Protein backbone atom coordinates (compact mmCIF):
# COMPACT_ATOMS: atom_id res chain seq x y z
CA MET A 1 22.49 -8.58 14.98
CA ASN A 2 24.19 -10.70 17.32
CA GLU A 3 27.23 -13.48 16.75
CA ASN A 4 24.64 -16.22 16.17
CA ASN A 5 22.43 -14.13 13.49
CA GLU A 6 19.82 -13.24 15.97
CA LEU A 7 18.12 -10.09 15.99
CA LYS A 8 18.44 -7.71 18.84
CA GLN A 9 15.54 -6.71 20.39
CA PHE A 10 14.39 -3.11 19.62
CA THR A 11 13.96 -0.32 22.10
CA THR A 12 11.42 2.56 21.94
CA ILE A 13 14.01 4.61 20.68
CA ASN A 14 14.87 2.04 17.84
CA PHE A 15 11.32 1.67 17.08
CA LEU A 16 11.04 5.77 16.75
CA ASN A 17 13.97 6.00 14.75
CA PHE A 18 12.92 3.14 12.38
CA ALA A 19 9.32 4.78 11.82
CA LEU A 20 10.82 8.30 10.77
CA GLY A 21 11.30 7.50 7.10
CA PHE A 22 7.69 6.23 7.05
CA LEU A 23 6.49 9.56 8.62
CA GLY A 24 7.87 11.44 5.68
CA LEU A 25 6.27 8.88 3.22
CA GLN A 26 2.84 9.39 4.74
CA PHE A 27 3.42 13.14 4.73
CA ALA A 28 3.98 13.02 1.03
CA TRP A 29 1.18 10.54 0.62
CA GLN A 30 -1.35 12.56 2.69
CA MET A 31 -0.69 15.87 0.63
CA ARG A 32 -1.37 13.76 -2.48
CA ILE A 33 -4.58 12.44 -1.08
CA ALA A 34 -5.67 15.73 0.53
CA LEU A 35 -4.79 18.18 -2.55
CA SER A 36 -4.90 16.46 -5.72
CA GLU A 37 -8.68 17.18 -5.91
CA PRO A 38 -8.43 20.79 -5.79
CA VAL A 39 -5.85 21.07 -8.34
CA THR A 40 -7.64 18.37 -10.62
CA SER A 41 -10.92 20.13 -10.39
CA SER A 42 -9.27 23.72 -10.81
CA LEU A 43 -8.18 21.95 -14.31
CA GLY A 44 -11.70 20.88 -15.37
CA ALA A 45 -11.84 17.43 -13.89
CA SER A 46 -15.42 16.03 -13.13
CA PRO A 47 -16.03 13.70 -10.27
CA LEU A 48 -15.60 10.58 -12.54
CA LEU A 49 -12.41 11.72 -14.13
CA TYR A 50 -10.91 12.64 -10.91
CA SER A 51 -11.92 8.97 -9.68
CA LEU A 52 -10.26 7.55 -12.91
CA ILE A 53 -7.09 9.79 -12.26
CA TRP A 54 -6.94 7.93 -8.96
CA LEU A 55 -6.60 4.62 -10.51
CA ALA A 56 -2.75 5.59 -10.70
CA GLY A 57 -2.51 4.25 -7.04
CA PRO A 58 -3.99 0.83 -7.34
CA PHE A 59 -2.24 0.01 -10.57
CA SER A 60 0.95 1.04 -9.30
CA GLY A 61 0.26 -0.83 -6.06
CA MET A 62 -0.58 -4.01 -7.99
CA VAL A 63 2.42 -3.85 -10.39
CA VAL A 64 4.87 -1.98 -8.96
CA GLN A 65 5.14 -3.36 -5.46
CA PRO A 66 5.07 -7.03 -6.23
CA ILE A 67 7.79 -6.39 -9.06
CA ILE A 68 9.83 -4.27 -6.56
CA GLY A 69 9.44 -6.89 -3.63
CA VAL A 70 10.93 -9.65 -5.55
CA LEU A 71 13.54 -7.40 -7.04
CA SER A 72 14.55 -6.02 -3.47
CA ASP A 73 14.64 -9.55 -2.02
CA ASN A 74 17.43 -10.43 -4.70
CA THR A 75 19.18 -7.40 -4.64
CA LYS A 76 22.96 -7.44 -3.77
CA SER A 77 24.43 -4.04 -3.51
CA ARG A 78 26.62 -2.28 -1.08
CA PHE A 79 23.81 -0.02 0.10
CA GLY A 80 21.77 -3.16 1.07
CA ARG A 81 18.61 -4.89 -0.22
CA ARG A 82 16.12 -2.34 0.42
CA ARG A 83 17.91 1.13 0.91
CA PRO A 84 18.07 1.86 -2.97
CA TYR A 85 14.54 1.79 -3.56
CA LEU A 86 13.66 3.47 -0.35
CA LEU A 87 16.03 6.60 -1.42
CA GLY A 88 15.32 6.40 -5.20
CA GLY A 89 11.56 6.21 -4.78
CA ALA A 90 11.72 9.08 -2.33
CA LEU A 91 13.68 11.61 -4.58
CA ILE A 92 11.87 10.95 -7.67
CA THR A 93 8.50 11.42 -5.66
CA ALA A 94 9.74 14.77 -4.19
CA LEU A 95 10.42 16.06 -7.79
CA ALA A 96 6.97 14.83 -9.23
CA LEU A 97 5.48 16.65 -6.05
CA TRP A 98 7.00 19.99 -6.80
CA ALA A 99 5.92 19.68 -10.38
CA PHE A 100 2.22 18.52 -9.89
CA PRO A 101 0.50 22.10 -8.81
CA HIS A 102 2.23 23.62 -11.86
CA SER A 103 0.80 21.18 -14.72
CA ALA A 104 -0.92 24.04 -16.36
CA GLY A 105 2.25 25.78 -16.70
CA ILE A 106 4.44 22.58 -17.85
CA SER A 107 1.81 22.07 -20.57
CA ASP A 108 2.03 25.87 -21.76
CA PHE A 109 6.05 25.01 -21.48
CA ILE A 110 5.59 22.01 -23.63
CA SER A 111 3.62 23.81 -26.28
CA LYS A 112 6.47 26.66 -26.54
CA ILE A 113 9.37 24.47 -26.78
CA CYS A 114 7.60 22.11 -29.20
CA HIS A 115 5.79 24.88 -31.12
CA CYS A 116 2.62 23.19 -31.07
CA ASN A 117 -0.75 23.97 -29.40
CA MET A 118 -1.42 21.55 -26.54
CA PRO A 119 -5.18 21.20 -26.22
CA ALA A 120 -7.39 22.60 -23.76
CA TRP A 121 -7.16 19.49 -21.36
CA GLY A 122 -3.35 19.60 -21.78
CA GLY A 123 -2.55 20.58 -17.95
CA LEU A 124 -5.02 17.75 -16.72
CA LEU A 125 -2.98 15.26 -18.73
CA VAL A 126 0.01 16.55 -17.24
CA ALA A 127 -1.54 16.22 -13.84
CA ALA A 128 -2.52 12.85 -14.17
CA LEU A 129 0.77 11.59 -15.64
CA LEU A 130 2.51 13.40 -12.49
CA ILE A 131 -0.01 11.68 -9.95
CA TRP A 132 0.93 8.37 -11.93
CA VAL A 133 4.57 8.88 -11.00
CA ILE A 134 4.14 10.06 -7.46
CA ASP A 135 1.89 7.02 -6.77
CA ALA A 136 4.50 4.52 -8.62
CA CYS A 137 7.49 5.98 -6.59
CA ILE A 138 5.71 5.87 -3.37
CA ASN A 139 5.05 2.27 -4.01
CA ILE A 140 8.56 1.70 -4.92
CA ALA A 141 9.72 2.95 -1.35
CA GLN A 142 6.76 1.63 0.63
CA GLY A 143 6.85 -2.03 -0.33
CA PRO A 144 10.62 -2.54 0.55
CA TYR A 145 9.92 -0.39 3.90
CA ARG A 146 7.30 -2.77 4.99
CA SER A 147 9.88 -5.61 4.35
CA LEU A 148 12.30 -4.01 6.56
CA ILE A 149 10.35 -5.09 9.64
CA PRO A 150 10.91 -8.85 9.35
CA ASP A 151 14.66 -7.98 8.19
CA VAL A 152 15.50 -5.94 11.10
CA VAL A 153 12.88 -6.57 14.01
CA PRO A 154 12.53 -10.09 15.80
CA ARG A 155 9.59 -11.61 15.17
CA GLU A 156 7.76 -11.33 18.61
CA GLN A 157 8.15 -7.33 18.07
CA HIS A 158 6.33 -7.44 14.78
CA ALA A 159 3.03 -6.33 16.09
CA GLN A 160 4.88 -3.32 17.96
CA ALA A 161 6.98 -2.52 14.92
CA ASN A 162 3.72 -2.10 12.67
CA SER A 163 2.13 -0.09 15.55
CA TYR A 164 4.89 2.52 15.30
CA ILE A 165 4.59 2.65 11.38
CA SER A 166 0.79 3.49 12.16
CA LEU A 167 1.97 6.06 14.84
CA ALA A 168 4.38 7.58 11.90
CA ILE A 169 1.63 7.32 9.51
CA GLY A 170 -0.79 9.14 11.85
CA LEU A 171 1.92 11.97 13.21
CA GLY A 172 3.09 12.26 9.57
CA SER A 173 -0.50 13.10 8.36
CA VAL A 174 -1.35 15.15 11.11
CA ILE A 175 1.61 17.72 10.34
CA ALA A 176 1.00 17.59 6.86
CA MET A 177 -2.67 18.33 7.41
CA ILE A 178 -2.12 21.21 10.09
CA VAL A 179 0.41 23.36 8.76
CA ALA A 180 -1.74 25.21 6.27
CA PRO A 181 -4.81 25.63 8.61
CA ALA A 182 -2.32 26.60 11.64
CA LEU A 183 -0.65 29.61 9.44
CA LYS A 184 -4.26 31.01 8.58
CA PHE A 185 -5.47 30.69 11.94
CA PHE A 186 -2.47 32.20 13.78
CA PHE A 187 -0.88 34.48 11.04
CA ASN A 188 -3.56 35.09 8.69
CA TYR A 189 -1.38 33.48 6.02
CA GLN A 190 -2.95 31.29 3.56
CA MET A 191 -0.13 28.81 2.28
CA SER A 192 -0.35 27.88 -1.22
CA ILE A 193 -1.24 24.54 -2.67
CA SER A 194 1.95 24.55 -4.56
CA ALA A 195 4.20 25.50 -1.25
CA GLN A 196 2.38 22.54 0.34
CA PHE A 197 3.69 20.20 -2.37
CA VAL A 198 7.20 21.44 -1.89
CA MET A 199 7.14 20.87 1.78
CA ALA A 200 5.71 17.31 1.58
CA GLY A 201 8.49 16.66 -1.16
CA LEU A 202 11.31 17.82 1.21
CA ALA A 203 9.77 15.96 4.23
CA PHE A 204 9.65 12.66 2.30
CA ALA A 205 13.35 12.94 0.92
CA LEU A 206 14.72 14.04 4.07
CA ALA A 207 13.13 11.60 6.22
CA MET A 208 13.86 8.72 4.09
CA LEU A 209 17.60 9.86 3.83
CA TRP A 210 17.80 9.48 7.68
CA THR A 211 16.46 6.05 7.42
CA CYS A 212 18.70 4.90 4.80
CA LEU A 213 21.59 6.43 7.08
CA THR A 214 20.65 5.00 10.47
CA ILE A 215 18.88 1.60 9.65
CA LYS A 216 21.11 -1.27 9.14
CA GLU A 217 19.98 -4.06 7.17
CA LYS A 218 20.27 -7.51 7.81
CA SER A 219 23.23 -9.00 5.35
CA THR A 220 25.04 -12.19 6.39
CA LEU A 221 27.65 -14.02 4.56
CA GLU A 222 25.15 -17.02 4.26
CA GLU A 223 22.56 -14.90 2.66
CA GLN A 224 24.83 -13.32 0.20
CA LYS A 225 26.17 -16.99 -1.07
CA THR A 226 22.59 -18.12 -1.10
CA ALA A 227 21.74 -15.15 -3.54
CA GLU A 228 24.62 -15.91 -5.55
CA GLU A 229 23.25 -19.32 -6.28
CA ILE A 230 20.16 -18.30 -7.61
CA SER A 231 20.17 -18.67 -11.48
CA ASN A 232 18.96 -16.40 -13.94
CA VAL A 233 15.98 -18.59 -14.81
CA GLU A 234 15.02 -18.89 -11.30
CA LYS A 235 15.13 -15.02 -11.16
CA THR A 236 13.19 -14.75 -14.22
CA THR A 237 10.40 -17.06 -12.91
CA SER A 238 10.61 -15.74 -9.12
CA PHE A 239 7.76 -13.55 -9.17
CA TRP A 240 5.24 -16.13 -10.23
CA GLN A 241 6.74 -18.65 -7.95
CA SER A 242 6.56 -16.17 -5.25
CA LEU A 243 2.64 -15.70 -6.11
CA LYS A 244 2.33 -19.57 -5.94
CA GLU A 245 4.15 -20.10 -2.79
CA PHE A 246 2.36 -17.04 -1.14
CA PHE A 247 -0.99 -18.92 -1.27
CA LEU A 248 0.48 -21.96 -0.02
CA LEU A 249 1.52 -20.22 3.12
CA SER A 250 -1.40 -21.07 4.96
CA PRO A 251 -5.34 -21.35 4.74
CA GLU A 252 -5.49 -18.48 7.10
CA VAL A 253 -3.47 -16.39 4.47
CA LYS A 254 -6.55 -16.09 1.90
CA LYS A 255 -8.68 -15.30 4.84
CA ILE A 256 -6.14 -12.40 5.75
CA CYS A 257 -6.18 -11.46 1.95
CA THR A 258 -10.08 -11.38 1.72
CA MET A 259 -10.33 -9.21 4.57
CA GLN A 260 -7.98 -6.69 3.19
CA PHE A 261 -9.94 -6.82 -0.07
CA PHE A 262 -13.01 -5.57 1.66
CA THR A 263 -11.36 -3.38 4.08
CA TRP A 264 -9.87 -1.36 1.31
CA ILE A 265 -12.67 -0.78 -0.62
CA GLY A 266 -14.18 0.73 2.75
CA MET A 267 -10.71 2.56 3.27
CA MET A 268 -10.41 4.13 -0.10
CA CYS A 269 -14.30 5.31 0.01
CA LEU A 270 -13.04 7.78 2.77
CA LEU A 271 -9.49 8.41 1.73
CA ILE A 272 -10.26 9.41 -2.21
CA TYR A 273 -13.68 11.43 -1.52
CA VAL A 274 -13.08 13.14 1.99
CA THR A 275 -12.04 16.32 0.41
CA PRO A 276 -14.46 16.68 -2.04
CA PHE A 277 -17.29 15.52 0.44
CA VAL A 278 -16.04 18.34 2.89
CA MET A 279 -16.14 21.00 0.01
CA HIS A 280 -18.92 19.94 -1.86
CA THR A 281 -21.24 18.56 0.75
CA VAL A 282 -20.46 19.89 3.82
CA TYR A 283 -19.91 23.26 2.74
CA ASN A 284 -22.08 22.88 -0.21
CA ILE A 285 -19.73 24.26 -2.81
CA PRO A 286 -21.10 23.62 -6.34
CA ASP A 287 -18.84 22.27 -8.93
CA VAL A 288 -15.91 24.60 -9.42
CA ALA A 289 -15.09 24.10 -12.94
CA ALA A 290 -18.72 24.80 -13.99
CA ASN A 291 -19.22 27.61 -11.29
CA PRO A 292 -16.39 29.77 -10.48
CA ILE A 293 -16.76 30.67 -6.56
CA ALA A 294 -14.78 33.24 -4.32
CA GLN A 295 -11.26 32.08 -3.41
CA ASN A 296 -11.86 32.91 0.18
CA LEU A 297 -14.87 30.46 0.33
CA LYS A 298 -12.95 27.69 -1.22
CA ASP A 299 -9.65 28.32 0.92
CA THR A 300 -12.14 28.05 3.79
CA ALA A 301 -13.47 24.54 2.85
CA GLN A 302 -10.14 23.22 1.89
CA ASN A 303 -8.85 24.10 5.27
CA TYR A 304 -11.66 22.37 7.03
CA ALA A 305 -11.09 19.49 4.69
CA LEU A 306 -7.21 19.34 6.27
CA ILE A 307 -8.48 19.85 9.59
CA CYS A 308 -10.67 16.94 9.43
CA LEU A 309 -7.90 14.77 7.94
CA ALA A 310 -5.50 15.97 10.46
CA VAL A 311 -7.86 14.99 13.46
CA PHE A 312 -8.39 11.68 11.81
CA ASN A 313 -4.63 11.08 11.53
CA LEU A 314 -4.17 12.57 15.37
CA VAL A 315 -6.40 9.69 16.59
CA CYS A 316 -4.63 7.20 14.62
CA PHE A 317 -1.17 8.49 16.17
CA LEU A 318 -2.60 8.64 19.87
CA VAL A 319 -4.12 5.09 19.68
CA ALA A 320 -1.51 3.21 17.21
CA ILE A 321 0.72 2.10 20.42
CA PRO A 322 -2.12 1.19 22.65
CA ILE A 323 -3.54 -0.85 19.93
CA GLY A 324 -0.16 -2.78 19.27
CA LYS A 325 -0.08 -3.30 23.19
CA LEU A 326 -3.91 -4.51 23.32
CA ALA A 327 -3.19 -6.86 20.40
CA ASP A 328 -0.28 -8.30 22.12
CA LYS A 329 -2.47 -8.95 25.19
CA PHE A 330 -5.81 -10.00 23.45
CA GLY A 331 -5.03 -10.86 19.91
CA ASN A 332 -4.53 -9.09 16.44
CA LYS A 333 -8.08 -10.47 15.69
CA LYS A 334 -10.27 -9.37 18.47
CA VAL A 335 -8.57 -5.58 18.42
CA HIS A 336 -8.88 -5.37 15.09
CA ILE A 337 -12.63 -6.51 14.60
CA ILE A 338 -13.48 -3.91 17.51
CA SER A 339 -11.50 -1.33 15.69
CA MET A 340 -13.41 -1.71 12.14
CA LEU A 341 -16.91 -1.76 13.93
CA SER A 342 -15.87 1.78 15.41
CA MET A 343 -15.29 2.96 11.64
CA VAL A 344 -18.56 1.49 10.59
CA VAL A 345 -20.20 3.86 13.04
CA ALA A 346 -18.17 6.64 12.06
CA TYR A 347 -19.13 6.26 8.34
CA LEU A 348 -22.71 6.17 9.10
CA GLY A 349 -22.42 9.26 11.14
CA LEU A 350 -20.51 11.16 8.13
CA ALA A 351 -23.44 10.28 5.73
CA PHE A 352 -26.27 10.72 8.09
CA PHE A 353 -24.69 14.38 9.66
CA LYS A 354 -23.36 15.68 6.55
CA THR A 355 -24.16 19.01 6.81
CA SER A 356 -22.81 19.67 10.24
CA PRO A 357 -19.10 20.57 10.16
CA ALA A 358 -18.67 19.70 13.89
CA ALA A 359 -20.30 16.38 13.54
CA VAL A 360 -18.08 15.60 10.53
CA LEU A 361 -15.21 16.48 12.75
CA CYS A 362 -16.20 14.26 15.52
CA PHE A 363 -16.96 11.30 13.20
CA MET A 364 -13.52 11.76 11.33
CA ALA A 365 -11.75 11.56 14.90
CA LEU A 366 -13.65 8.15 15.55
CA SER A 367 -12.69 6.72 11.97
CA GLY A 368 -9.02 7.28 13.21
CA ILE A 369 -9.36 4.44 15.60
CA GLY A 370 -10.16 1.95 12.68
CA TRP A 371 -7.05 3.63 10.40
CA ALA A 372 -4.54 2.70 13.29
CA SER A 373 -5.55 -0.96 13.29
CA VAL A 374 -5.95 -1.20 9.38
CA CYS A 375 -2.36 0.23 9.23
CA ALA A 376 -0.97 -2.44 11.74
CA LEU A 377 -2.88 -5.56 12.52
CA PRO A 378 -3.34 -6.99 9.06
CA PHE A 379 0.28 -6.91 8.35
CA ALA A 380 1.16 -8.24 11.88
CA MET A 381 -1.36 -11.23 11.04
CA LEU A 382 0.44 -12.00 8.05
CA SER A 383 4.11 -11.57 9.30
CA LYS A 384 3.45 -14.72 11.27
CA TYR A 385 3.58 -16.93 7.77
CA ILE A 386 6.44 -15.20 6.08
CA LYS A 387 9.69 -17.34 5.26
CA PRO A 388 13.02 -15.66 5.72
CA GLY A 389 14.23 -14.24 2.33
CA THR A 390 10.57 -13.76 0.88
CA GLU A 391 9.66 -10.54 2.97
CA GLY A 392 9.96 -8.25 0.11
CA SER A 393 7.84 -10.52 -2.53
CA VAL A 394 5.10 -11.53 0.15
CA MET A 395 4.48 -7.76 1.10
CA GLY A 396 4.24 -6.89 -2.42
CA ILE A 397 1.75 -9.63 -3.31
CA PHE A 398 -0.22 -8.77 -0.30
CA ASN A 399 -0.30 -5.17 -1.42
CA ILE A 400 -2.43 -6.43 -4.36
CA PHE A 401 -5.29 -7.02 -1.90
CA ILE A 402 -4.90 -3.43 -0.88
CA ALA A 403 -4.56 -1.69 -4.48
CA GLY A 404 -7.15 -3.92 -6.23
CA PRO A 405 -10.03 -3.09 -4.30
CA GLN A 406 -9.05 0.78 -5.12
CA VAL A 407 -9.94 -0.09 -8.69
CA PHE A 408 -13.51 -0.71 -7.52
CA VAL A 409 -13.85 2.51 -5.79
CA CYS A 410 -12.20 4.80 -8.67
CA THR A 411 -14.67 3.19 -11.01
CA LEU A 412 -17.97 2.10 -10.05
CA VAL A 413 -18.20 4.47 -6.79
CA GLY A 414 -16.86 7.21 -8.91
CA TRP A 415 -19.44 6.47 -11.83
CA LEU A 416 -22.04 6.43 -9.12
CA ILE A 417 -21.20 9.91 -7.65
CA ASN A 418 -20.94 11.47 -11.05
CA ALA A 419 -24.28 10.18 -11.95
CA SER A 420 -25.77 11.45 -8.46
CA VAL A 421 -26.28 14.71 -9.65
CA ILE A 422 -27.85 17.90 -7.54
CA SER A 423 -29.12 20.56 -9.31
CA ASN A 424 -29.94 23.88 -7.57
CA ALA A 425 -30.46 27.14 -9.31
CA GLY A 426 -28.17 26.20 -12.09
CA ASN A 427 -25.30 25.09 -9.86
CA ILE A 428 -24.27 21.51 -10.20
CA ASN A 429 -23.06 19.20 -7.12
CA HIS A 430 -23.14 15.71 -6.28
CA HIS A 431 -23.97 13.12 -3.53
CA TYR A 432 -20.46 12.67 -2.18
CA GLU A 433 -22.13 11.07 1.18
CA TYR A 434 -23.04 7.97 -0.85
CA THR A 435 -19.37 6.72 -0.43
CA PHE A 436 -19.64 6.39 3.00
CA TYR A 437 -22.84 4.06 2.78
CA ILE A 438 -20.82 1.56 0.29
CA GLY A 439 -17.45 2.11 2.80
CA ALA A 440 -19.60 1.00 5.73
CA ALA A 441 -21.02 -2.10 4.11
CA CYS A 442 -17.65 -3.18 2.80
CA LEU A 443 -16.11 -2.88 6.39
CA LEU A 444 -18.70 -4.86 7.73
CA ALA A 445 -18.00 -7.51 5.17
CA ALA A 446 -14.29 -7.30 6.28
CA VAL A 447 -15.29 -7.80 9.80
CA ALA A 448 -17.31 -11.06 8.97
CA VAL A 449 -14.17 -12.43 7.43
CA THR A 450 -11.98 -11.26 10.08
CA LYS A 451 -14.24 -13.48 12.61
CA CYS A 452 -13.48 -16.63 10.55
CA ILE A 453 -9.65 -16.28 10.78
CA LYS A 454 -7.99 -18.68 13.37
CA GLU A 455 -5.46 -17.01 15.17
CA SER A 456 -2.55 -18.89 16.88
């Protein structure tokens, strides 16, 4: 920031440095996405129960991010407004990631120290609680991180900043997903699930620590004086005031929120179910809890699911910066529509060619284009309407339209898959491909809403 309180232009090095913390965040989040199903299914979770456990994410997003957003806007500390939440969320997440694959052992330990018999589903209960902790703390860090963009990046570079966040999302996810398959391919060593979660926790904590040490937050004397003048009553009602003001920002904000609602129903249809889809549909592995199978077959399917997610995020990484530049030239709206339509085609391909591992990998790659756009352009559209000093609360409220749709996916879509049973010679399986038909329909609805947005 210069003497006139104007934000300095970011260079490529500045953008890469800024995005490093989000790389660690996505590393942890992607590991939770990819490997929570194998852990919970081994503890006896059905497809519906697994989906209900996923409710941790949307409820944390709808409750935690708006509250943390308002708190971070009004936080005054020697460490800044956002950094206490970034580092605190990362450290607690790292501990929960370490504990999650040991849920059964933690349940047994609780039984011993309390001299009581935990129920048979005690390990699953511990796993569900730890997922809630992981999701809540990732949200504690994620909201303030997005709020750093209008805090420290000039307005005309917001689209680029969000594109670098997409780049970090893609690269962090690729690294997280490729480590175990690469070790197996090159060294014939199968990395355990618990080791992968430890790796994710360390990556998140160290990357976020780097961000907190290197990014200087905007903190002027005028802002501090304004914060001191806010009364206790105003602080108590600030969230509801922020919610009211959010919808008064512009008529276009409502359209952007509606677009996000349908988009994230479509996105979560992939993110929640892609691992069980690959394991149970592509590789035709029956319900693991009801039908114990050879560990090597399970490892093969699990590693291929990681490879699919790695390719999906690699494409996101490769196209993130070009999408930002294209959006600067042609507008966010046009680029976002084309990107989402490519994801619709990918979803239909996944459903139609569900038994071909090679085809599934190709369509996962195609869907990465839409993922890069979803991670950047809606935020760039919204950032034009954010008033200075309300960055955290606006991003927190906006996250409701990302987290809320997940409730639909975790409940109704989960129920549909659980009810769509395939029985073959006594082996039980489910039609996981149905999730991609639903996702494609919702993405088309998001495209229709996007076309109605008036972009300046």
